[in-house]
Amino acid sequence: MAEKIETTKKQITFRGKTIDELKALETREFAKFLKSRTRRAVLRQFQDIENFVSRAKIKTERNKPVRTHKRTIIIVPQMVGMKLQIYNGKEFIPVDITTQMLGHRLGEFSMTRAKIKHSGAGIGATKGSKAKAKK
């Protein structure tokens, strides 16, 4: 008979803590697990982060997209699983927050500069094309 095989799913951790343990922590307690620069930023703007998370949770319950211009907000465990739209200066870029993004800023996932696509030289850009343009 076929035996039941248990598939063990690898538990994703951040600095030795699982995501469920991190979600139980407050924002300032989570800051202890971050590197120095981001820890200082979280401790300075923890009120803004908590306000953002509470507003975002309300909008996600209503199935409305969460649009934001706040690119400096640092990603905390309460944001994992949210679908945000982050402004890059021209348009809103959709971003799904995952556990690998913890400790990074929102702006890192919404690039402000587009990739340049070079094409052939235009008319008058080369000596040969100048001669053709005069005719």
N, C-alpha and C. Protein backbone atom coordinates (compact mmCIF):
# COMPACT_ATOMS: atom_id res chain seq x y z
N MET A 1 0.84 -1.19 0.00
CA MET A 1 0.00 0.00 0.00
C MET A 1 0.88 1.24 0.00
N ALA A 2 0.31 2.27 -0.52
CA ALA A 2 1.06 3.53 -0.59
C ALA A 2 1.12 4.18 0.79
N GLU A 3 2.32 4.58 1.15
CA GLU A 3 2.50 5.24 2.44
C GLU A 3 2.31 6.74 2.28
N LYS A 4 1.89 7.33 3.35
CA LYS A 4 1.71 8.78 3.37
C LYS A 4 3.09 9.43 3.50
N ILE A 5 3.44 10.28 2.55
CA ILE A 5 4.73 10.96 2.58
C ILE A 5 4.51 12.40 3.03
N GLU A 6 5.22 12.77 4.06
CA GLU A 6 5.11 14.15 4.55
C GLU A 6 6.09 15.03 3.80
N THR A 7 5.58 16.06 3.25
CA THR A 7 6.47 17.01 2.59
C THR A 7 6.82 18.09 3.61
N THR A 8 8.08 18.21 3.86
CA THR A 8 8.51 19.22 4.84
C THR A 8 8.81 20.51 4.09
N LYS A 9 8.06 21.50 4.43
CA LYS A 9 8.23 22.81 3.82
C LYS A 9 9.31 23.55 4.61
N LYS A 10 10.28 24.10 3.92
CA LYS A 10 11.36 24.80 4.60
C LYS A 10 10.80 26.07 5.23
N GLN A 11 11.05 26.21 6.51
CA GLN A 11 10.55 27.37 7.25
C GLN A 11 11.43 28.57 6.95
N ILE A 12 10.85 29.63 6.48
CA ILE A 12 11.60 30.83 6.16
C ILE A 12 11.83 31.61 7.45
N THR A 13 13.08 31.96 7.70
CA THR A 13 13.42 32.69 8.92
C THR A 13 14.13 33.99 8.58
N PHE A 14 14.11 34.89 9.53
CA PHE A 14 14.83 36.16 9.43
C PHE A 14 15.57 36.34 10.74
N ARG A 15 16.88 36.24 10.68
CA ARG A 15 17.75 36.33 11.86
C ARG A 15 17.35 35.34 12.94
N GLY A 16 16.99 34.12 12.52
CA GLY A 16 16.68 33.06 13.47
C GLY A 16 15.24 33.02 13.95
N LYS A 17 14.40 33.94 13.52
CA LYS A 17 12.99 33.98 13.93
C LYS A 17 12.10 33.67 12.73
N THR A 18 11.03 32.93 12.95
CA THR A 18 10.08 32.65 11.88
C THR A 18 9.21 33.89 11.66
N ILE A 19 8.53 33.91 10.54
CA ILE A 19 7.71 35.07 10.21
C ILE A 19 6.55 35.23 11.19
N ASP A 20 6.02 34.13 11.71
CA ASP A 20 4.93 34.22 12.69
C ASP A 20 5.42 34.84 13.99
N GLU A 21 6.63 34.48 14.41
CA GLU A 21 7.20 35.08 15.63
C GLU A 21 7.47 36.56 15.42
N LEU A 22 7.91 36.93 14.22
CA LEU A 22 8.18 38.35 13.94
C LEU A 22 6.90 39.17 13.86
N LYS A 23 5.83 38.58 13.32
CA LYS A 23 4.56 39.30 13.23
C LYS A 23 3.97 39.59 14.61
N ALA A 24 4.32 38.76 15.59
CA ALA A 24 3.83 38.98 16.95
C ALA A 24 4.55 40.14 17.64
N LEU A 25 5.73 40.53 17.12
CA LEU A 25 6.50 41.61 17.74
C LEU A 25 5.95 42.97 17.32
N GLU A 26 6.19 43.97 18.15
CA GLU A 26 5.88 45.35 17.78
C GLU A 26 6.98 45.86 16.87
N THR A 27 6.75 47.00 16.27
CA THR A 27 7.71 47.56 15.32
C THR A 27 9.04 47.85 15.99
N ARG A 28 9.03 48.42 17.19
CA ARG A 28 10.28 48.76 17.87
C ARG A 28 11.02 47.51 18.33
N GLU A 29 10.30 46.45 18.67
CA GLU A 29 10.97 45.21 19.05
C GLU A 29 11.59 44.54 17.83
N PHE A 30 10.93 44.64 16.67
CA PHE A 30 11.49 44.09 15.44
C PHE A 30 12.77 44.82 15.04
N ALA A 31 12.87 46.10 15.39
CA ALA A 31 14.04 46.89 15.02
C ALA A 31 15.33 46.31 15.61
N LYS A 32 15.24 45.57 16.69
CA LYS A 32 16.43 44.97 17.31
C LYS A 32 17.08 43.93 16.40
N PHE A 33 16.34 43.39 15.45
CA PHE A 33 16.87 42.37 14.55
C PHE A 33 17.44 42.96 13.27
N LEU A 34 17.40 44.28 13.11
CA LEU A 34 17.87 44.93 11.89
C LEU A 34 19.30 45.41 12.06
N LYS A 35 19.92 45.77 10.95
CA LYS A 35 21.25 46.36 10.99
C LYS A 35 21.14 47.79 11.49
N SER A 36 22.27 48.38 11.85
CA SER A 36 22.27 49.65 12.58
C SER A 36 21.55 50.79 11.87
N ARG A 37 21.82 50.99 10.58
CA ARG A 37 21.22 52.13 9.88
C ARG A 37 19.71 51.99 9.78
N THR A 38 19.25 50.80 9.41
CA THR A 38 17.80 50.61 9.30
C THR A 38 17.14 50.59 10.67
N ARG A 39 17.86 50.10 11.69
CA ARG A 39 17.31 50.13 13.05
C ARG A 39 17.05 51.57 13.49
N ARG A 40 18.01 52.44 13.25
CA ARG A 40 17.84 53.85 13.61
C ARG A 40 16.67 54.47 12.86
N ALA A 41 16.53 54.14 11.59
CA ALA A 41 15.44 54.68 10.79
C ALA A 41 14.09 54.18 11.30
N VAL A 42 14.01 52.90 11.64
CA VAL A 42 12.74 52.35 12.15
C VAL A 42 12.39 52.98 13.49
N LEU A 43 13.38 53.14 14.36
CA LEU A 43 13.11 53.73 15.67
C LEU A 43 12.69 55.19 15.56
N ARG A 44 13.18 55.89 14.55
CA ARG A 44 12.79 57.29 14.36
C ARG A 44 11.41 57.42 13.74
N GLN A 45 11.04 56.51 12.84
CA GLN A 45 9.77 56.65 12.13
C GLN A 45 8.79 55.53 12.45
N PHE A 46 8.90 54.93 13.63
CA PHE A 46 8.03 53.79 13.95
C PHE A 46 6.56 54.19 13.95
N GLN A 47 6.25 55.40 14.34
CA GLN A 47 4.86 55.85 14.36
C GLN A 47 4.30 55.92 12.93
N ASP A 48 5.09 56.44 11.98
CA ASP A 48 4.66 56.50 10.59
C ASP A 48 4.46 55.10 10.02
N ILE A 49 5.35 54.17 10.38
CA ILE A 49 5.25 52.80 9.89
C ILE A 49 3.98 52.14 10.41
N GLU A 50 3.71 52.30 11.71
CA GLU A 50 2.51 51.69 12.29
C GLU A 50 1.24 52.29 11.71
N ASN A 51 1.22 53.60 11.49
CA ASN A 51 0.05 54.24 10.86
C ASN A 51 -0.15 53.70 9.44
N PHE A 52 0.94 53.56 8.70
CA PHE A 52 0.86 53.06 7.33
C PHE A 52 0.31 51.64 7.31
N VAL A 53 0.81 50.78 8.19
CA VAL A 53 0.38 49.39 8.23
C VAL A 53 -1.10 49.29 8.59
N SER A 54 -1.55 50.09 9.56
CA SER A 54 -2.96 50.01 9.97
C SER A 54 -3.88 50.48 8.84
N ARG A 55 -3.49 51.54 8.12
CA ARG A 55 -4.31 52.02 6.99
C ARG A 55 -4.30 51.01 5.86
N ALA A 56 -3.14 50.41 5.62
CA ALA A 56 -3.03 49.45 4.52
C ALA A 56 -3.87 48.20 4.80
N LYS A 57 -3.92 47.76 6.06
CA LYS A 57 -4.73 46.59 6.41
C LYS A 57 -6.21 46.86 6.16
N ILE A 58 -6.67 48.07 6.48
CA ILE A 58 -8.07 48.43 6.27
C ILE A 58 -8.40 48.40 4.78
N LYS A 59 -7.49 48.95 3.94
CA LYS A 59 -7.74 48.97 2.50
C LYS A 59 -7.71 47.58 1.89
N THR A 60 -6.80 46.72 2.38
CA THR A 60 -6.74 45.37 1.82
C THR A 60 -7.97 44.55 2.19
N GLU A 61 -8.58 44.84 3.34
CA GLU A 61 -9.82 44.16 3.72
C GLU A 61 -10.96 44.55 2.78
N ARG A 62 -10.92 45.77 2.26
CA ARG A 62 -11.95 46.24 1.33
C ARG A 62 -11.62 45.89 -0.12
N ASN A 63 -10.53 45.16 -0.33
CA ASN A 63 -10.05 44.77 -1.66
C ASN A 63 -9.73 45.97 -2.54
N LYS A 64 -9.25 47.05 -1.93
CA LYS A 64 -8.81 48.21 -2.69
C LYS A 64 -7.28 48.16 -2.78
N PRO A 65 -6.72 48.59 -3.89
CA PRO A 65 -5.25 48.61 -3.97
C PRO A 65 -4.69 49.69 -3.05
N VAL A 66 -3.58 49.35 -2.41
CA VAL A 66 -2.93 50.28 -1.48
C VAL A 66 -1.88 51.04 -2.28
N ARG A 67 -2.17 52.29 -2.60
CA ARG A 67 -1.24 53.13 -3.35
C ARG A 67 -0.51 54.04 -2.39
N THR A 68 0.79 54.21 -2.62
CA THR A 68 1.56 55.06 -1.72
C THR A 68 2.67 55.80 -2.44
N HIS A 69 2.97 56.97 -1.92
CA HIS A 69 4.12 57.76 -2.37
C HIS A 69 5.26 57.63 -1.37
N LYS A 70 5.02 56.97 -0.25
CA LYS A 70 6.00 56.89 0.84
C LYS A 70 7.04 55.82 0.52
N ARG A 71 8.09 56.21 -0.19
CA ARG A 71 9.13 55.28 -0.61
C ARG A 71 10.15 55.03 0.49
N THR A 72 10.15 55.84 1.56
CA THR A 72 11.15 55.71 2.62
C THR A 72 10.71 54.77 3.74
N ILE A 73 9.47 54.30 3.71
CA ILE A 73 8.99 53.39 4.75
C ILE A 73 9.76 52.07 4.68
N ILE A 74 10.21 51.59 5.83
CA ILE A 74 10.95 50.33 5.90
C ILE A 74 9.96 49.19 6.08
N ILE A 75 10.18 48.09 5.37
CA ILE A 75 9.26 46.95 5.38
C ILE A 75 9.42 46.18 6.69
N VAL A 76 8.30 46.00 7.39
CA VAL A 76 8.26 45.28 8.67
C VAL A 76 7.41 44.02 8.48
N PRO A 77 7.48 43.06 9.40
CA PRO A 77 6.76 41.79 9.22
C PRO A 77 5.25 41.92 9.04
N GLN A 78 4.63 42.95 9.59
CA GLN A 78 3.18 43.12 9.43
C GLN A 78 2.79 43.39 7.99
N MET A 79 3.75 43.81 7.15
CA MET A 79 3.46 44.12 5.75
C MET A 79 3.57 42.89 4.85
N VAL A 80 4.15 41.80 5.34
CA VAL A 80 4.38 40.63 4.49
C VAL A 80 3.03 40.09 4.00
N GLY A 81 2.95 39.88 2.71
CA GLY A 81 1.71 39.39 2.09
C GLY A 81 0.86 40.49 1.50
N MET A 82 1.16 41.74 1.79
CA MET A 82 0.38 42.86 1.24
C MET A 82 0.74 43.10 -0.22
N LYS A 83 -0.21 43.64 -0.94
CA LYS A 83 0.03 44.04 -2.33
C LYS A 83 -0.06 45.55 -2.38
N LEU A 84 1.07 46.18 -2.62
CA LEU A 84 1.15 47.64 -2.65
C LEU A 84 1.40 48.13 -4.06
N GLN A 85 1.08 49.38 -4.28
CA GLN A 85 1.44 50.05 -5.52
C GLN A 85 2.26 51.27 -5.13
N ILE A 86 3.55 51.25 -5.48
CA ILE A 86 4.49 52.27 -5.04
C ILE A 86 4.77 53.22 -6.20
N TYR A 87 4.70 54.52 -5.92
CA TYR A 87 4.89 55.54 -6.95
C TYR A 87 6.37 55.71 -7.26
N ASN A 88 6.72 55.75 -8.54
CA ASN A 88 8.12 55.91 -8.91
C ASN A 88 8.40 57.27 -9.54
N GLY A 89 7.46 58.19 -9.46
CA GLY A 89 7.63 59.51 -10.04
C GLY A 89 6.82 59.68 -11.31
N LYS A 90 6.39 58.59 -11.90
CA LYS A 90 5.61 58.64 -13.13
C LYS A 90 4.35 57.80 -13.04
N GLU A 91 4.47 56.60 -12.43
CA GLU A 91 3.34 55.69 -12.35
C GLU A 91 3.46 54.84 -11.08
N PHE A 92 2.41 54.12 -10.76
CA PHE A 92 2.40 53.25 -9.59
C PHE A 92 2.82 51.84 -10.03
N ILE A 93 3.86 51.31 -9.40
CA ILE A 93 4.39 49.99 -9.72
C ILE A 93 3.83 48.98 -8.71
N PRO A 94 3.15 47.91 -9.16
CA PRO A 94 2.63 46.91 -8.21
C PRO A 94 3.75 46.05 -7.62
N VAL A 95 3.71 45.88 -6.29
CA VAL A 95 4.73 45.12 -5.57
C VAL A 95 4.05 44.21 -4.56
N ASP A 96 4.43 42.93 -4.55
CA ASP A 96 3.97 41.99 -3.53
C ASP A 96 5.07 41.87 -2.49
N ILE A 97 4.75 42.13 -1.23
CA ILE A 97 5.74 42.12 -0.15
C ILE A 97 5.99 40.67 0.29
N THR A 98 7.26 40.26 0.30
CA THR A 98 7.65 38.92 0.73
C THR A 98 8.61 39.02 1.91
N THR A 99 8.94 37.88 2.49
CA THR A 99 9.82 37.87 3.67
C THR A 99 11.24 38.30 3.33
N GLN A 100 11.68 38.10 2.09
CA GLN A 100 13.02 38.51 1.71
C GLN A 100 13.18 40.03 1.69
N MET A 101 12.08 40.76 1.68
CA MET A 101 12.13 42.22 1.61
C MET A 101 12.23 42.89 2.98
N LEU A 102 12.16 42.12 4.06
CA LEU A 102 12.19 42.70 5.41
C LEU A 102 13.44 43.54 5.61
N GLY A 103 13.26 44.74 6.15
CA GLY A 103 14.39 45.61 6.44
C GLY A 103 14.76 46.53 5.29
N HIS A 104 14.17 46.32 4.12
CA HIS A 104 14.45 47.20 2.97
C HIS A 104 13.39 48.29 2.91
N ARG A 105 13.67 49.32 2.14
CA ARG A 105 12.71 50.41 1.95
C ARG A 105 11.80 50.11 0.75
N LEU A 106 10.60 50.69 0.77
CA LEU A 106 9.66 50.45 -0.32
C LEU A 106 10.20 50.94 -1.66
N GLY A 107 10.93 52.05 -1.65
CA GLY A 107 11.44 52.63 -2.88
C GLY A 107 12.43 51.75 -3.62
N GLU A 108 13.03 50.78 -2.93
CA GLU A 108 13.99 49.89 -3.58
C GLU A 108 13.32 48.96 -4.58
N PHE A 109 12.02 48.81 -4.49
CA PHE A 109 11.31 47.87 -5.34
C PHE A 109 10.46 48.58 -6.40
N SER A 110 10.63 49.88 -6.53
CA SER A 110 9.94 50.66 -7.55
C SER A 110 10.97 51.58 -8.18
N MET A 111 11.62 51.11 -9.22
CA MET A 111 12.73 51.84 -9.83
C MET A 111 12.25 53.15 -10.47
N THR A 112 13.04 54.20 -10.28
CA THR A 112 12.67 55.51 -10.79
C THR A 112 13.24 55.78 -12.17
N ARG A 113 14.25 55.01 -12.55
CA ARG A 113 14.87 55.22 -13.86
C ARG A 113 14.59 54.00 -14.74
N ALA A 114 14.12 54.28 -15.95
CA ALA A 114 13.80 53.20 -16.88
C ALA A 114 15.08 52.69 -17.54
N LYS A 115 15.05 51.44 -17.96
CA LYS A 115 16.18 50.87 -18.66
C LYS A 115 16.27 51.50 -20.04
N ILE A 116 17.45 51.93 -20.42
CA ILE A 116 17.63 52.62 -21.70
C ILE A 116 17.70 51.61 -22.82
N LYS A 117 16.96 51.88 -23.88
CA LYS A 117 16.96 51.02 -25.05
C LYS A 117 17.62 51.79 -26.20
N HIS A 118 18.85 51.42 -26.53
CA HIS A 118 19.56 52.09 -27.60
C HIS A 118 19.15 51.48 -28.94
N SER A 119 19.06 52.35 -29.94
CA SER A 119 18.72 51.88 -31.28
C SER A 119 19.77 52.43 -32.23
N GLY A 120 19.51 52.35 -33.49
CA GLY A 120 20.45 52.85 -34.48
C GLY A 120 20.58 54.36 -34.42
N ALA A 121 21.66 54.87 -35.00
CA ALA A 121 21.90 56.30 -35.01
C ALA A 121 20.85 57.01 -35.86
N GLY A 122 20.50 58.22 -35.47
CA GLY A 122 19.51 58.99 -36.20
C GLY A 122 20.10 59.69 -37.41
N ILE A 123 19.26 60.37 -38.15
CA ILE A 123 19.71 61.08 -39.35
C ILE A 123 20.58 62.25 -38.91
N GLY A 124 21.76 62.34 -39.51
CA GLY A 124 22.69 63.43 -39.17
C GLY A 124 23.64 63.07 -38.06
N ALA A 125 23.54 61.88 -37.50
CA ALA A 125 24.42 61.50 -36.40
C ALA A 125 25.77 61.00 -36.90
N THR A 126 25.81 60.50 -38.13
CA THR A 126 27.07 60.02 -38.69
C THR A 126 27.35 60.75 -40.00
N LYS A 127 28.61 60.66 -40.49
CA LYS A 127 28.98 61.36 -41.72
C LYS A 127 28.18 60.85 -42.92
N GLY A 128 27.96 59.57 -42.95
CA GLY A 128 27.21 59.00 -44.06
C GLY A 128 25.77 59.44 -44.09
N SER A 129 25.16 59.55 -42.94
CA SER A 129 23.76 59.95 -42.91
C SER A 129 23.60 61.46 -43.15
N LYS A 130 24.66 62.25 -42.90
CA LYS A 130 24.59 63.70 -43.20
C LYS A 130 24.52 63.91 -44.71
N ALA A 131 25.28 63.10 -45.45
CA ALA A 131 25.28 63.23 -46.90
C ALA A 131 23.93 62.85 -47.47
N LYS A 132 23.29 61.85 -46.90
CA LYS A 132 21.98 61.44 -47.38
C LYS A 132 20.92 62.47 -47.03
N ALA A 133 21.10 63.16 -45.92
CA ALA A 133 20.10 64.14 -45.48
C ALA A 133 20.13 65.38 -46.36
N LYS A 134 21.29 65.74 -46.93
CA LYS A 134 21.41 66.95 -47.77
C LYS A 134 20.71 66.79 -49.11
N LYS A 135 20.64 65.56 -49.63
CA LYS A 135 20.07 65.34 -50.95
C LYS A 135 18.61 65.56 -51.00
